[in-house]
């Protein structure tokens, strides 16, 4: 496969452990592999401009850093090669007892599968990076990779699927920012004016009336899918 057909996918999740919020979000940013260094360089320049070197993301969005975060938003929107996909699910509608033998962690990785599998295109090779988290059962990442490989045999190729530390990958931090915004909107949170403003601008830039709506299935730049509990692939 040529380098042009290789894609990096940077994944994260939001609110999957916060029982106060019904909606959890799993998502990621798709970036051509030959452009990831250039995108990271641009993020570094924005960080240098604003003298912000700590890990960034949705939780650290605040009024005194507004210009920094809006520049990140504009970077995502202005780069035609970057795209975003999120799966939103109401956890109160998930029946882990029926579908996952009572194993919520297994259900979580099934949702990761659903988020990924429908956006991995034929004849492309994917390098998938998930923000690392502690699992009760070892091998969850390997199992997810192997199931995707079996499902996509003869179609897309999964070169790797591995957990990484988000501190070392700025595009995962950018994904966290967008995923966090989607989760904030879907859970109707309103404690922060700056976060409400970010959600409104993200929606407007992608032609949406508000951020707590699903997009069309074919939306490429910014795709949000409301998962309603069907576990089939």
Protein backbone atom coordinates (compact mmCIF):
# COMPACT_ATOMS: atom_id res chain seq x y z
CA UNK A 1 0.00 0.00 0.00
CA UNK A 2 1.20 3.52 -0.75
CA UNK A 3 1.75 6.04 2.03
CA UNK A 4 -1.23 8.03 0.76
CA UNK A 5 -3.55 5.17 1.74
CA UNK A 6 -2.33 5.00 5.34
CA UNK A 7 -4.45 6.64 8.03
CA UNK A 8 -3.78 7.28 11.71
CA UNK A 9 -6.82 7.20 14.00
CA UNK A 10 -6.51 8.87 17.41
CA UNK A 11 -9.20 7.71 19.83
CA UNK A 12 -10.49 8.70 23.24
CA UNK A 13 -13.70 8.59 25.26
CA UNK A 14 -15.71 10.87 27.52
CA UNK A 15 -18.01 10.35 30.50
CA UNK A 16 -17.92 6.56 30.38
CA UNK A 17 -17.21 6.46 34.13
CA UNK A 18 -19.35 9.45 35.16
CA UNK A 19 -22.63 7.99 36.38
CA UNK A 20 -24.20 11.45 36.68
CA UNK A 21 -24.29 11.81 32.90
CA UNK A 22 -26.39 9.34 30.89
CA UNK A 23 -24.59 9.86 27.59
CA UNK A 24 -21.07 8.61 27.00
CA UNK A 25 -19.03 9.36 23.89
CA UNK A 26 -16.34 7.36 22.11
CA UNK A 27 -14.63 9.05 19.20
CA UNK A 28 -11.53 9.79 17.23
CA UNK A 29 -9.74 11.94 14.70
CA UNK A 30 -8.72 10.47 11.34
CA UNK A 31 -5.45 11.87 9.95
CA UNK A 32 -3.41 10.75 6.91
CA UNK A 33 -0.26 9.15 8.23
CA UNK A 34 2.00 11.29 6.06
CA UNK A 35 0.49 14.46 7.58
CA UNK A 36 0.47 13.62 11.27
CA UNK A 37 3.89 15.19 11.89
CA UNK A 38 2.83 18.42 10.17
CA UNK A 39 -0.43 18.59 12.14
CA UNK A 40 1.47 17.98 15.37
CA UNK A 41 3.93 20.71 14.41
CA UNK A 42 1.06 23.18 13.93
CA UNK A 43 -0.36 22.27 17.33
CA UNK A 44 3.08 22.81 18.86
CA UNK A 45 3.26 26.27 17.28
CA UNK A 46 -0.13 27.16 18.77
CA UNK A 47 1.03 25.94 22.17
CA UNK A 48 4.22 27.94 21.88
CA UNK A 49 2.28 31.07 20.94
CA UNK A 50 0.13 30.76 24.06
CA UNK A 51 2.86 29.35 26.33
CA UNK A 52 0.77 26.31 27.18
CA UNK A 53 2.79 23.11 27.50
CA UNK A 54 0.72 20.99 29.85
CA UNK A 55 -1.60 18.36 28.46
CA UNK A 56 -4.69 20.03 27.03
CA UNK A 57 -8.22 18.79 26.50
CA UNK A 58 -11.85 19.41 27.31
CA UNK A 59 -11.35 19.53 31.08
CA UNK A 60 -8.79 22.33 30.81
CA UNK A 61 -10.89 24.60 28.58
CA UNK A 62 -11.27 27.85 30.53
CA UNK A 63 -11.89 31.56 29.82
CA UNK A 64 -8.25 32.54 30.28
CA UNK A 65 -7.27 30.06 27.56
CA UNK A 66 -10.07 30.86 25.13
CA UNK A 67 -7.84 32.04 22.27
CA UNK A 68 -5.72 28.89 22.51
CA UNK A 69 -8.70 26.55 22.28
CA UNK A 70 -10.39 28.45 19.48
CA UNK A 71 -7.17 28.29 17.48
CA UNK A 72 -7.20 24.52 17.93
CA UNK A 73 -10.81 24.45 16.74
CA UNK A 74 -9.90 26.53 13.70
CA UNK A 75 -6.95 24.26 12.98
CA UNK A 76 -9.21 21.20 12.91
CA UNK A 77 -11.77 22.94 10.71
CA UNK A 78 -9.21 24.36 8.29
CA UNK A 79 -7.36 21.09 7.67
CA UNK A 80 -9.32 19.22 4.99
CA UNK A 81 -7.40 16.02 5.68
CA UNK A 82 -8.64 15.82 9.28
CA UNK A 83 -12.01 14.28 10.11
CA UNK A 84 -13.83 13.40 13.30
CA UNK A 85 -16.17 10.56 14.22
CA UNK A 86 -18.04 10.08 17.49
CA UNK A 87 -20.43 7.46 18.77
CA UNK A 88 -22.89 8.67 21.42
CA UNK A 89 -24.76 6.17 23.58
CA UNK A 90 -27.23 6.46 26.43
CA UNK A 91 -25.83 4.05 28.99
CA UNK A 92 -29.25 3.62 30.60
CA UNK A 93 -30.37 1.86 27.41
CA UNK A 94 -27.52 -0.68 27.38
CA UNK A 95 -28.38 -4.18 28.55
CA UNK A 96 -25.02 -5.67 29.49
CA UNK A 97 -26.77 -8.58 31.16
CA UNK A 98 -28.37 -9.72 27.91
CA UNK A 99 -25.60 -8.91 25.43
CA UNK A 100 -22.34 -8.90 27.39
CA UNK A 101 -22.79 -11.50 30.15
CA UNK A 102 -22.95 -8.67 32.65
CA UNK A 103 -19.52 -7.40 31.63
CA UNK A 104 -19.74 -3.62 31.16
CA UNK A 105 -16.09 -3.44 30.11
CA UNK A 106 -16.76 -5.91 27.29
CA UNK A 107 -19.71 -3.74 26.28
CA UNK A 108 -17.46 -0.68 26.28
CA UNK A 109 -15.08 -2.27 23.77
CA UNK A 110 -17.98 -3.46 21.64
CA UNK A 111 -18.96 0.21 21.40
CA UNK A 112 -15.39 1.09 20.43
CA UNK A 113 -15.76 -1.50 17.66
CA UNK A 114 -18.99 0.10 16.47
CA UNK A 115 -17.39 3.54 16.40
CA UNK A 116 -14.48 2.31 14.30
CA UNK A 117 -15.71 -0.42 11.98
CA UNK A 118 -18.11 1.65 9.89
CA UNK A 119 -15.46 4.31 9.16
CA UNK A 120 -12.60 2.05 8.08
CA UNK A 121 -12.62 2.14 4.29
CA UNK A 122 -11.65 -0.48 1.77
CA UNK A 123 -8.05 -0.41 0.50
CA UNK A 124 -6.82 1.78 3.36
CA UNK A 125 -4.33 0.78 6.03
CA UNK A 126 -5.05 2.02 9.56
CA UNK A 127 -2.86 2.72 12.55
CA UNK A 128 -5.22 3.07 15.51
CA UNK A 129 -4.15 4.64 18.79
CA UNK A 130 -6.39 4.49 21.87
CA UNK A 131 -5.80 6.60 24.95
CA UNK A 132 -4.56 4.11 27.52
CA UNK A 133 -6.80 3.12 30.40
CA UNK A 134 -6.70 0.43 33.05
CA UNK A 135 -8.85 -2.59 32.20
CA UNK A 136 -10.07 -5.29 34.55
CA UNK A 137 -9.24 -7.94 31.97
CA UNK A 138 -5.96 -8.00 30.08
CA UNK A 139 -6.06 -8.36 26.33
CA UNK A 140 -9.00 -6.07 25.58
CA UNK A 141 -6.98 -4.03 23.09
CA UNK A 142 -5.62 -7.12 21.35
CA UNK A 143 -9.10 -8.65 21.14
CA UNK A 144 -10.54 -5.47 19.63
CA UNK A 145 -7.74 -5.41 17.06
CA UNK A 146 -8.21 -9.07 16.15
CA UNK A 147 -12.00 -8.77 15.77
CA UNK A 148 -11.60 -5.72 13.52
CA UNK A 149 -9.04 -7.57 11.42
CA UNK A 150 -11.35 -10.55 10.96
CA UNK A 151 -14.32 -8.34 10.09
CA UNK A 152 -12.33 -6.30 7.57
CA UNK A 153 -10.42 -9.14 5.88
CA UNK A 154 -10.10 -8.31 2.19
CA UNK A 155 -11.22 -4.74 2.84
CA UNK A 156 -9.35 -2.38 5.16
CA UNK A 157 -6.09 -3.40 6.83
CA UNK A 158 -5.42 -2.84 10.54
CA UNK A 159 -1.66 -2.32 10.78
CA UNK A 160 -1.83 -1.74 14.52
CA UNK A 161 -4.26 -0.99 17.31
CA UNK A 162 -2.52 -0.08 20.53
CA UNK A 163 -2.95 1.94 23.73
CA UNK A 164 -0.79 5.04 24.12
CA UNK A 165 -0.26 7.79 26.66
CA UNK A 166 -2.19 10.83 25.45
CA UNK A 167 0.55 13.12 26.78
CA UNK A 168 2.79 11.89 23.98
CA UNK A 169 0.22 12.36 21.19
CA UNK A 170 -1.16 15.85 20.69
CA UNK A 171 -3.78 14.74 18.17
CA UNK A 172 -5.35 12.50 20.83
CA UNK A 173 -5.57 15.59 23.03
CA UNK A 174 -7.31 17.40 20.17
CA UNK A 175 -9.69 14.44 19.87
CA UNK A 176 -10.37 14.68 23.61
CA UNK A 177 -11.36 18.32 23.15
CA UNK A 178 -13.93 17.52 20.45
CA UNK A 179 -15.23 14.39 22.19
CA UNK A 180 -15.63 16.33 25.42
CA UNK A 181 -17.63 19.01 23.65
CA UNK A 182 -20.00 16.42 22.17
CA UNK A 183 -20.48 14.81 25.58
CA UNK A 184 -21.09 18.18 27.24
CA UNK A 185 -23.80 19.04 24.72
CA UNK A 186 -25.55 15.66 24.73
CA UNK A 187 -25.70 15.66 28.52
CA UNK A 188 -27.20 19.17 28.50
CA UNK A 189 -24.49 20.53 30.76
CA UNK A 190 -24.54 24.30 31.20
CA UNK A 191 -22.19 25.17 34.06
CA UNK A 192 -19.59 26.89 31.87
CA UNK A 193 -20.27 29.75 29.47
CA UNK A 194 -16.95 29.19 27.71
CA UNK A 195 -17.75 25.53 27.10
CA UNK A 196 -21.24 26.36 25.87
CA UNK A 197 -19.68 28.84 23.46
CA UNK A 198 -17.20 26.27 22.21
CA UNK A 199 -20.01 23.75 21.62
CA UNK A 200 -22.04 26.35 19.73
CA UNK A 201 -19.12 27.33 17.50
CA UNK A 202 -18.16 23.70 16.81
CA UNK A 203 -21.76 22.98 15.78
CA UNK A 204 -22.02 26.09 13.60
CA UNK A 205 -18.74 25.41 11.81
CA UNK A 206 -20.07 21.99 10.84
CA UNK A 207 -23.51 23.14 9.70
CA UNK A 208 -25.40 21.82 12.73
CA UNK A 209 -28.15 23.73 14.58
CA UNK A 210 -26.67 22.50 17.87
CA UNK A 211 -24.13 19.92 18.95
CA UNK A 212 -26.46 17.41 20.59
CA UNK A 213 -27.79 16.00 17.32
CA UNK A 214 -26.64 13.16 15.13
CA UNK A 215 -25.29 13.88 11.69
CA UNK A 216 -26.05 12.14 8.44
CA UNK A 217 -24.33 8.78 8.06
CA UNK A 218 -22.31 10.07 5.12
CA UNK A 219 -21.01 13.19 6.90
CA UNK A 220 -17.25 13.14 6.40
CA UNK A 221 -15.67 16.06 8.25
CA UNK A 222 -17.68 15.82 11.46
CA UNK A 223 -19.69 12.66 12.03
CA UNK A 224 -21.78 11.92 15.12
CA UNK A 225 -23.70 8.65 15.39
CA UNK A 226 -26.31 8.07 18.10
CA UNK A 227 -26.04 4.38 18.97
CA UNK A 228 -29.39 3.00 20.11
CA UNK A 229 -28.45 -0.39 21.47
CA UNK A 230 -28.10 -2.75 18.48
CA UNK A 231 -24.91 -4.71 19.06
CA UNK A 232 -24.62 -6.28 15.62
CA UNK A 233 -21.78 -5.20 13.33
